[in-house]
């Protein structure tokens, strides 16, 4: 196996390049599911609140008890 290919299939930063089953091009359902996964938001809009007076974004974790306040521009930069 070429070094580049070997690197792409090994664990890197806690994830693997090939983490699941192979999707065949004609498997439209699997392709659609993959596309939905790829384009889904990486954060929940329901747990995000913009505090206009402070110019910050308050993001609450799933547990509902933990939250973090971000300067609005830092939040935007992190989303890009």
C-alpha atoms as a PDB file:
ATOM      1  CA  UNK A   1       0.000   0.000   0.000  1.00  0.00           C
ATOM      2  CA  UNK A   2       1.317   3.459  -0.870  1.00  0.00           C
ATOM      3  CA  UNK A   3       2.204   5.694   2.109  1.00  0.00           C
ATOM      4  CA  UNK A   4      -0.523   8.241   1.303  1.00  0.00           C
ATOM      5  CA  UNK A   5      -3.210   5.539   1.174  1.00  0.00           C
ATOM      6  CA  UNK A   6      -1.923   3.983   4.391  1.00  0.00           C
ATOM      7  CA  UNK A   7      -2.072   7.386   6.120  1.00  0.00           C
ATOM      8  CA  UNK A   8      -5.645   7.972   4.943  1.00  0.00           C
ATOM      9  CA  UNK A   9      -6.883   4.728   6.507  1.00  0.00           C
ATOM     10  CA  UNK A  10      -5.208   5.079   9.899  1.00  0.00           C
ATOM     11  CA  UNK A  11      -6.552   6.795  12.977  1.00  0.00           C
ATOM     12  CA  UNK A  12      -5.885  10.514  12.935  1.00  0.00           C
ATOM     13  CA  UNK A  13      -7.153  12.879  15.612  1.00  0.00           C
ATOM     14  CA  UNK A  14      -9.627  10.312  16.899  1.00  0.00           C
ATOM     15  CA  UNK A  15     -11.322   9.445  13.614  1.00  0.00           C
ATOM     16  CA  UNK A  16     -10.809   7.062  10.728  1.00  0.00           C
ATOM     17  CA  UNK A  17     -11.048   7.809   7.034  1.00  0.00           C
ATOM     18  CA  UNK A  18     -13.013   4.616   6.434  1.00  0.00           C
ATOM     19  CA  UNK A  19     -15.318   4.418   9.414  1.00  0.00           C
ATOM     20  CA  UNK A  20     -18.177   2.431   7.950  1.00  0.00           C
ATOM     21  CA  UNK A  21     -19.496   0.283   5.194  1.00  0.00           C
ATOM     22  CA  UNK A  22     -18.777   0.917   1.555  1.00  0.00           C
ATOM     23  CA  UNK A  23     -21.521   2.777  -0.282  1.00  0.00           C
ATOM     24  CA  UNK A  24     -22.135   1.634  -3.806  1.00  0.00           C
ATOM     25  CA  UNK A  25     -22.937   4.326  -6.399  1.00  0.00           C
ATOM     26  CA  UNK A  26     -26.324   2.769  -7.196  1.00  0.00           C
ATOM     27  CA  UNK A  27     -27.403   2.650  -3.528  1.00  0.00           C
ATOM     28  CA  UNK A  28     -29.474   5.835  -3.663  1.00  0.00           C
ATOM     29  CA  UNK A  29     -30.769   5.525  -0.120  1.00  0.00           C
ATOM     30  CA  UNK A  30     -27.270   5.209   1.355  1.00  0.00           C
ATOM     31  CA  UNK A  31     -26.010   8.079  -0.825  1.00  0.00           C
ATOM     32  CA  UNK A  32     -28.871  10.284   0.348  1.00  0.00           C
ATOM     33  CA  UNK A  33     -28.181   9.425   3.996  1.00  0.00           C
ATOM     34  CA  UNK A  34     -24.504  10.252   3.530  1.00  0.00           C
ATOM     35  CA  UNK A  35     -25.358  13.573   1.870  1.00  0.00           C
ATOM     36  CA  UNK A  36     -27.675  14.458   4.780  1.00  0.00           C
ATOM     37  CA  UNK A  37     -24.917  13.629   7.243  1.00  0.00           C
ATOM     38  CA  UNK A  38     -22.359  15.752   5.390  1.00  0.00           C
ATOM     39  CA  UNK A  39     -24.557  18.851   5.154  1.00  0.00           C
ATOM     40  CA  UNK A  40     -26.057  18.694   8.648  1.00  0.00           C
ATOM     41  CA  UNK A  41     -25.184  21.524  10.975  1.00  0.00           C
ATOM     42  CA  UNK A  42     -22.289  20.863  13.315  1.00  0.00           C
ATOM     43  CA  UNK A  43     -24.127  22.671  16.086  1.00  0.00           C
ATOM     44  CA  UNK A  44     -27.700  23.082  17.278  1.00  0.00           C
ATOM     45  CA  UNK A  45     -29.369  26.392  16.488  1.00  0.00           C
ATOM     46  CA  UNK A  46     -31.833  25.717  19.301  1.00  0.00           C
ATOM     47  CA  UNK A  47     -28.977  25.805  21.827  1.00  0.00           C
ATOM     48  CA  UNK A  48     -27.459  28.979  20.388  1.00  0.00           C
ATOM     49  CA  UNK A  49     -28.552  32.438  21.496  1.00  0.00           C
ATOM     50  CA  UNK A  50     -27.210  35.761  20.242  1.00  0.00           C
ATOM     51  CA  UNK A  51     -26.936  38.353  23.022  1.00  0.00           C
ATOM     52  CA  UNK A  52     -27.125  41.531  20.962  1.00  0.00           C
ATOM     53  CA  UNK A  53     -26.425  43.939  23.844  1.00  0.00           C
ATOM     54  CA  UNK A  54     -23.158  42.122  24.651  1.00  0.00           C
ATOM     55  CA  UNK A  55     -22.277  41.152  21.076  1.00  0.00           C
ATOM     56  CA  UNK A  56     -21.779  37.543  22.148  1.00  0.00           C
ATOM     57  CA  UNK A  57     -23.177  34.121  21.368  1.00  0.00           C
ATOM     58  CA  UNK A  58     -24.258  31.917  24.256  1.00  0.00           C
ATOM     59  CA  UNK A  59     -24.115  28.220  23.419  1.00  0.00           C
ATOM     60  CA  UNK A  60     -25.654  25.689  25.797  1.00  0.00           C
ATOM     61  CA  UNK A  61     -24.507  22.064  25.854  1.00  0.00           C
ATOM     62  CA  UNK A  62     -26.893  19.128  25.465  1.00  0.00           C
ATOM     63  CA  UNK A  63     -27.030  18.649  29.233  1.00  0.00           C
ATOM     64  CA  UNK A  64     -28.717  22.069  29.519  1.00  0.00           C
ATOM     65  CA  UNK A  65     -26.509  23.044  32.459  1.00  0.00           C
ATOM     66  CA  UNK A  66     -23.223  23.848  30.749  1.00  0.00           C
ATOM     67  CA  UNK A  67     -22.910  26.894  28.532  1.00  0.00           C
ATOM     68  CA  UNK A  68     -20.159  28.992  27.042  1.00  0.00           C
ATOM     69  CA  UNK A  69     -20.160  32.590  25.933  1.00  0.00           C
ATOM     70  CA  UNK A  70     -18.261  33.484  22.726  1.00  0.00           C
ATOM     71  CA  UNK A  71     -17.536  36.882  21.185  1.00  0.00           C
ATOM     72  CA  UNK A  72     -19.768  36.982  18.084  1.00  0.00           C
ATOM     73  CA  UNK A  73     -16.884  37.330  15.623  1.00  0.00           C
ATOM     74  CA  UNK A  74     -15.041  34.373  17.204  1.00  0.00           C
ATOM     75  CA  UNK A  75     -18.216  32.289  16.912  1.00  0.00           C
ATOM     76  CA  UNK A  76     -18.557  33.163  13.222  1.00  0.00           C
ATOM     77  CA  UNK A  77     -14.897  32.381  12.562  1.00  0.00           C
ATOM     78  CA  UNK A  78     -15.273  29.002  14.249  1.00  0.00           C
ATOM     79  CA  UNK A  79     -18.236  28.144  11.999  1.00  0.00           C
ATOM     80  CA  UNK A  80     -16.247  28.708   8.789  1.00  0.00           C
END
